[in-house]
N, C-alpha and C. Protein backbone atom coordinates (compact mmCIF):
# COMPACT_ATOMS: atom_id res chain seq x y z
N MET A 1 18.26 -1.60 16.19
CA MET A 1 18.20 -0.51 15.24
C MET A 1 17.61 -0.97 13.91
N LYS A 2 18.01 -2.17 13.50
CA LYS A 2 17.52 -2.72 12.25
C LYS A 2 16.01 -2.98 12.33
N ARG A 3 15.56 -3.48 13.47
CA ARG A 3 14.14 -3.75 13.65
C ARG A 3 13.33 -2.46 13.65
N ALA A 4 13.89 -1.41 14.24
CA ALA A 4 13.20 -0.12 14.26
C ALA A 4 13.04 0.43 12.85
N MET A 5 14.05 0.26 12.03
CA MET A 5 13.96 0.73 10.64
C MET A 5 12.90 -0.04 9.86
N PHE A 6 12.79 -1.35 10.11
CA PHE A 6 11.74 -2.12 9.46
C PHE A 6 10.36 -1.64 9.91
N LEU A 7 10.19 -1.32 11.17
CA LEU A 7 8.91 -0.83 11.67
C LEU A 7 8.57 0.53 11.07
N ILE A 8 9.56 1.41 10.99
CA ILE A 8 9.32 2.73 10.40
C ILE A 8 8.99 2.60 8.92
N ALA A 9 9.72 1.75 8.21
CA ALA A 9 9.44 1.53 6.78
C ALA A 9 8.05 0.93 6.60
N GLY A 10 7.68 -0.01 7.46
CA GLY A 10 6.34 -0.60 7.37
C GLY A 10 5.26 0.44 7.60
N ALA A 11 5.47 1.33 8.58
CA ALA A 11 4.49 2.38 8.84
C ALA A 11 4.37 3.32 7.65
N CYS A 12 5.48 3.65 7.03
CA CYS A 12 5.44 4.54 5.86
C CYS A 12 4.67 3.89 4.70
N TRP A 13 4.94 2.62 4.43
CA TRP A 13 4.25 1.94 3.35
C TRP A 13 2.76 1.80 3.64
N LEU A 14 2.40 1.56 4.91
CA LEU A 14 0.98 1.49 5.24
C LEU A 14 0.31 2.86 5.09
N LEU A 15 1.04 3.92 5.39
CA LEU A 15 0.49 5.26 5.16
C LEU A 15 0.32 5.55 3.67
N PHE A 16 1.24 5.05 2.85
CA PHE A 16 1.07 5.18 1.39
C PHE A 16 -0.20 4.46 0.94
N ALA A 17 -0.43 3.26 1.47
CA ALA A 17 -1.64 2.51 1.12
C ALA A 17 -2.88 3.27 1.56
N LEU A 18 -2.85 3.86 2.75
CA LEU A 18 -3.97 4.65 3.22
C LEU A 18 -4.19 5.86 2.32
N GLY A 19 -3.11 6.49 1.89
CA GLY A 19 -3.21 7.63 0.97
C GLY A 19 -3.85 7.25 -0.35
N PHE A 20 -3.44 6.11 -0.91
CA PHE A 20 -4.06 5.65 -2.16
C PHE A 20 -5.53 5.35 -1.94
N GLY A 21 -5.89 4.80 -0.79
CA GLY A 21 -7.29 4.53 -0.50
C GLY A 21 -8.11 5.80 -0.40
N ILE A 22 -7.56 6.82 0.24
CA ILE A 22 -8.27 8.10 0.35
C ILE A 22 -8.43 8.75 -1.03
N ILE A 23 -7.37 8.71 -1.82
CA ILE A 23 -7.46 9.25 -3.18
C ILE A 23 -8.49 8.49 -3.99
N LEU A 24 -8.53 7.17 -3.83
CA LEU A 24 -9.51 6.35 -4.56
C LEU A 24 -10.93 6.71 -4.16
N LEU A 25 -11.19 6.86 -2.87
CA LEU A 25 -12.53 7.22 -2.43
C LEU A 25 -12.93 8.60 -2.94
N HIS A 26 -11.99 9.53 -2.93
CA HIS A 26 -12.27 10.87 -3.45
C HIS A 26 -12.53 10.82 -4.95
N TYR A 27 -11.76 10.03 -5.66
CA TYR A 27 -11.91 9.90 -7.10
C TYR A 27 -13.26 9.29 -7.46
N ILE A 28 -13.67 8.26 -6.73
CA ILE A 28 -14.97 7.65 -6.98
C ILE A 28 -16.09 8.64 -6.66
N GLY A 29 -15.91 9.39 -5.58
CA GLY A 29 -16.92 10.38 -5.21
C GLY A 29 -17.08 11.50 -6.23
N GLN A 30 -16.02 11.78 -6.97
CA GLN A 30 -16.06 12.86 -7.97
C GLN A 30 -16.53 12.38 -9.35
N GLY A 31 -16.84 11.11 -9.50
CA GLY A 31 -17.37 10.63 -10.77
C GLY A 31 -16.52 9.60 -11.47
N ALA A 32 -15.31 9.38 -11.06
CA ALA A 32 -14.43 8.32 -11.57
C ALA A 32 -14.37 8.26 -13.10
N GLY A 33 -13.88 9.29 -13.72
CA GLY A 33 -13.66 9.29 -15.16
C GLY A 33 -14.60 10.19 -15.93
N LEU A 34 -15.68 10.60 -15.32
CA LEU A 34 -16.62 11.46 -16.04
C LEU A 34 -16.04 12.84 -16.31
N GLN A 35 -15.07 13.26 -15.51
CA GLN A 35 -14.51 14.60 -15.68
C GLN A 35 -13.67 14.72 -16.95
N PHE A 36 -13.33 13.62 -17.61
CA PHE A 36 -12.50 13.69 -18.81
C PHE A 36 -13.30 14.08 -20.04
N PHE A 37 -14.55 13.66 -20.12
CA PHE A 37 -15.36 13.92 -21.30
C PHE A 37 -16.65 14.65 -20.96
N GLY A 38 -16.69 15.41 -19.91
CA GLY A 38 -17.90 16.12 -19.53
C GLY A 38 -18.83 15.23 -18.73
N TRP A 39 -20.07 15.67 -18.59
CA TRP A 39 -21.04 14.93 -17.78
C TRP A 39 -21.91 14.01 -18.63
N MET A 40 -21.29 13.30 -19.52
CA MET A 40 -22.03 12.31 -20.30
C MET A 40 -21.39 10.94 -20.08
N PHE A 41 -22.19 9.93 -20.19
CA PHE A 41 -21.67 8.57 -20.07
C PHE A 41 -21.28 8.09 -21.45
N SER A 42 -20.02 7.88 -21.65
CA SER A 42 -19.56 7.29 -22.90
C SER A 42 -18.65 6.12 -22.54
N SER A 43 -18.41 5.29 -23.52
CA SER A 43 -17.57 4.12 -23.25
C SER A 43 -16.14 4.54 -22.90
N GLY A 44 -15.69 5.65 -23.47
CA GLY A 44 -14.34 6.12 -23.16
C GLY A 44 -14.20 6.60 -21.73
N SER A 45 -15.18 7.34 -21.24
CA SER A 45 -15.08 7.84 -19.87
C SER A 45 -15.22 6.70 -18.86
N VAL A 46 -16.08 5.75 -19.16
CA VAL A 46 -16.23 4.59 -18.26
C VAL A 46 -14.95 3.77 -18.24
N LEU A 47 -14.33 3.58 -19.40
CA LEU A 47 -13.10 2.79 -19.47
C LEU A 47 -11.95 3.49 -18.74
N ILE A 48 -11.82 4.79 -18.91
CA ILE A 48 -10.77 5.53 -18.22
C ILE A 48 -10.99 5.49 -16.72
N GLY A 49 -12.23 5.68 -16.29
CA GLY A 49 -12.54 5.61 -14.87
C GLY A 49 -12.25 4.23 -14.29
N LEU A 50 -12.61 3.19 -15.02
CA LEU A 50 -12.37 1.82 -14.55
C LEU A 50 -10.88 1.54 -14.44
N LEU A 51 -10.12 1.97 -15.43
CA LEU A 51 -8.67 1.75 -15.39
C LEU A 51 -8.02 2.49 -14.22
N HIS A 52 -8.47 3.71 -13.95
CA HIS A 52 -7.92 4.45 -12.82
C HIS A 52 -8.27 3.77 -11.49
N VAL A 53 -9.52 3.32 -11.36
CA VAL A 53 -9.93 2.66 -10.12
C VAL A 53 -9.14 1.38 -9.91
N VAL A 54 -9.00 0.58 -10.95
CA VAL A 54 -8.24 -0.67 -10.83
C VAL A 54 -6.77 -0.37 -10.49
N GLY A 55 -6.21 0.66 -11.10
CA GLY A 55 -4.83 1.04 -10.81
C GLY A 55 -4.64 1.48 -9.37
N PHE A 56 -5.59 2.29 -8.85
CA PHE A 56 -5.50 2.73 -7.45
C PHE A 56 -5.66 1.55 -6.50
N VAL A 57 -6.54 0.61 -6.81
CA VAL A 57 -6.72 -0.57 -5.95
C VAL A 57 -5.45 -1.41 -5.94
N ILE A 58 -4.85 -1.62 -7.09
CA ILE A 58 -3.61 -2.40 -7.15
C ILE A 58 -2.49 -1.70 -6.39
N ALA A 59 -2.37 -0.38 -6.57
CA ALA A 59 -1.33 0.37 -5.87
C ALA A 59 -1.53 0.31 -4.36
N ALA A 60 -2.77 0.47 -3.90
CA ALA A 60 -3.04 0.41 -2.47
C ALA A 60 -2.74 -0.99 -1.92
N PHE A 61 -3.11 -2.03 -2.67
CA PHE A 61 -2.84 -3.39 -2.21
C PHE A 61 -1.35 -3.68 -2.14
N LEU A 62 -0.60 -3.25 -3.16
CA LEU A 62 0.84 -3.49 -3.14
C LEU A 62 1.52 -2.75 -1.99
N CYS A 63 1.13 -1.51 -1.76
CA CYS A 63 1.70 -0.75 -0.63
C CYS A 63 1.35 -1.41 0.69
N PHE A 64 0.11 -1.90 0.82
CA PHE A 64 -0.28 -2.58 2.05
C PHE A 64 0.52 -3.86 2.24
N ALA A 65 0.72 -4.63 1.17
CA ALA A 65 1.47 -5.89 1.27
C ALA A 65 2.92 -5.63 1.66
N ILE A 66 3.54 -4.64 1.05
CA ILE A 66 4.93 -4.31 1.39
C ILE A 66 5.02 -3.83 2.83
N GLY A 67 4.09 -2.98 3.24
CA GLY A 67 4.09 -2.50 4.62
C GLY A 67 3.88 -3.61 5.63
N ALA A 68 2.98 -4.53 5.32
CA ALA A 68 2.74 -5.66 6.22
C ALA A 68 3.98 -6.55 6.34
N CYS A 69 4.68 -6.75 5.23
CA CYS A 69 5.91 -7.56 5.26
C CYS A 69 6.99 -6.87 6.11
N PHE A 70 7.14 -5.57 5.95
CA PHE A 70 8.13 -4.86 6.75
C PHE A 70 7.77 -4.89 8.24
N PHE A 71 6.48 -4.71 8.54
CA PHE A 71 6.05 -4.79 9.94
C PHE A 71 6.32 -6.18 10.51
N ALA A 72 5.99 -7.21 9.75
CA ALA A 72 6.23 -8.58 10.23
C ALA A 72 7.71 -8.82 10.44
N ARG A 73 8.52 -8.33 9.55
CA ARG A 73 9.97 -8.50 9.68
C ARG A 73 10.50 -7.72 10.89
N GLY A 74 9.90 -6.60 11.19
CA GLY A 74 10.32 -5.81 12.34
C GLY A 74 9.90 -6.41 13.66
N PHE A 75 8.74 -7.05 13.70
CA PHE A 75 8.25 -7.61 14.96
C PHE A 75 8.79 -9.00 15.26
N VAL A 76 9.03 -9.80 14.23
CA VAL A 76 9.47 -11.18 14.42
C VAL A 76 10.95 -11.26 14.15
N ARG A 77 11.65 -11.90 15.04
CA ARG A 77 13.10 -12.05 14.85
C ARG A 77 13.37 -13.09 13.77
N ALA A 78 14.36 -12.82 12.96
CA ALA A 78 14.76 -13.77 11.93
C ALA A 78 15.54 -14.91 12.57
N GLY A 79 15.62 -16.02 11.89
CA GLY A 79 16.31 -17.19 12.43
C GLY A 79 17.77 -16.90 12.73
N GLU A 80 18.43 -16.13 11.90
CA GLU A 80 19.84 -15.83 12.13
C GLU A 80 20.04 -14.95 13.36
N ASP A 81 19.07 -14.06 13.64
CA ASP A 81 19.17 -13.23 14.84
C ASP A 81 19.02 -14.07 16.10
N VAL A 82 18.11 -15.05 16.05
CA VAL A 82 17.91 -15.93 17.20
C VAL A 82 19.14 -16.80 17.43
N GLU A 83 19.73 -17.28 16.35
CA GLU A 83 20.94 -18.11 16.48
C GLU A 83 22.09 -17.30 17.06
N LYS A 84 22.23 -16.04 16.68
CA LYS A 84 23.30 -15.19 17.20
C LYS A 84 23.15 -14.99 18.70
N THR A 85 21.90 -14.75 19.15
CA THR A 85 21.71 -14.53 20.59
C THR A 85 21.93 -15.82 21.37
N GLU A 86 21.59 -16.97 20.80
CA GLU A 86 21.85 -18.24 21.49
C GLU A 86 23.35 -18.53 21.57
N LEU A 87 24.10 -18.16 20.52
CA LEU A 87 25.55 -18.36 20.55
C LEU A 87 26.20 -17.42 21.56
N GLU A 88 25.68 -16.22 21.70
CA GLU A 88 26.25 -15.27 22.64
C GLU A 88 26.00 -15.71 24.09
N LYS A 89 24.90 -16.39 24.35
CA LYS A 89 24.59 -16.87 25.69
C LYS A 89 25.52 -17.99 26.13
N SER A 90 25.92 -18.84 25.18
CA SER A 90 26.76 -19.99 25.56
C SER A 90 28.23 -19.68 25.55
């Protein structure tokens, strides 16, 4: 049951990472910051767009890392779980 919860949590976190990636691609496709100050290139719009893109990349990476850790924990038995099953056999 514990392993199943880790797998479900890992899948949810990976879906969050996928969601951030989709939002990032949509945001870049829409101009990435140009919508704040109209259709002109200014240092403010470029800076806001860059900060949003970097923030989305960091969020997607963190969600992916957490999801991968949960998946790994769900698929691989911990040392204490292996020791418990060996003690139960003897």
